Every structure is written in C-alpha cells, then in structure tokens.
Amino acid sequence: MSVNLDPLMNLISLGAAFAASNRNDGGGVTSRIHHYEVFAQSYLKLPANNLFLRSGVRLGYEHIPDEEAPQSIKIREQSFRGGFELGILYEGLMVPSISLQAGVLRRKLTLDTSSQITSKSTDFPMIEWLPMGILNLGLGLPIEGGKLILEPFYRFVWIAKDTRQTSQWGIDASWSLSFEN
C-alpha cells in the first residue's frame, strides 16, 4: 500500500514534532535539550514517478533545563525559532525524505539573582537573533492510508555563533488535509 498523495496540488498537512539533542556546554557539561514544533506543509507532484516537492513553515520552542548551578545566581536561556523548509519525498510503502530548513533562532538570556545579590549589569536581559540551517533526513510511516504520517528524523543543525548543538533526533506527526476541486 502506498500513500495516496494525488492530487498534491490540493493537499496540505499540519503537524507537530518533538526532538531532543545533546548540547555541549563546555567543561564536560552536557545538557539534554527538548525541542517542540508545530508546522504546516504543502506538496507538489514532480515529473518523476512518485516524487514530490514538500515546502513548509515551522515554529518551535526549545526547553533548556536548569542545570545544577548555585541557587543565588543563574543565567536562564529561552529559545524560540521559526523557519522555512523545502524538501523532496518519495511516495511508497514508506516515505523517505530529505529537506533543508532555514530560519532564525531568538535566544533570550536573563540573569536571576537572590535577594542578597544585586546586579548592576546592563547586559541582561540579552536577546540574540541567530540565523540557523538544518539538513533533515526522515523516514515516514503512513497510517490510515497516509492521512497520518509518523516520520522519525535525524537533523544536522547549524546555528550561527553557536557550535554547542550539532544534531537532533525526533519524530514528526502530520495529518493531511485534502481539498476537493
């Protein structure tokens, strides 16, 4: 059974993703980061048999846990990201895909101190806008005749000025919405 993506001009999908990554924070400290995303994708049938162009938009949040640190002073980090995706997929019993994502990461750093410590630093809160790119390799598993696709993935990640995180692994779950002519 293959996924029926025809006619693709009339198909979009909405979904959510969960990913994890290990971030090297230096000094032998590694943090596990959780990534949550929502996305929308559209599909266009290519002239080659069973090949489709997939484009989309993604919005995400990174949960960065508070590592062991002194209770009286902590630097907290919050990250949101958004971007566009363009890829190719093959329609079959399984749906292999390769895509590129380009976007921006908005990182906010804040300094939390206890009442005994005061900070006169003007550097906090600090907000950074960092360009980012991702190469995504996925293998979709169609369910319900392709209406639902669960796609485990592995990502190679590049974030400008930040080499602490270089890969992610996780799963996309997308639900197709087709429209009749």
Foldseek 3Di string as FASTA:
>chain_A
DKAPCPPQVFKKKKWKKKKWFWFPPDPPDIWIKIKIKIKMKGWHDDPDPQKIKIKIKMKMWIDTDFDDDDPFKDKDKTKIKIWMKIKMWGIDQKIKIKMKIKIKMKMWIAMHGDPVDDDPDPCPRPIDIKIKMKIKIWIWHADPSNQKTKIWIKIQIDTPPGPRTGIMTIIMIMGMDGDDD
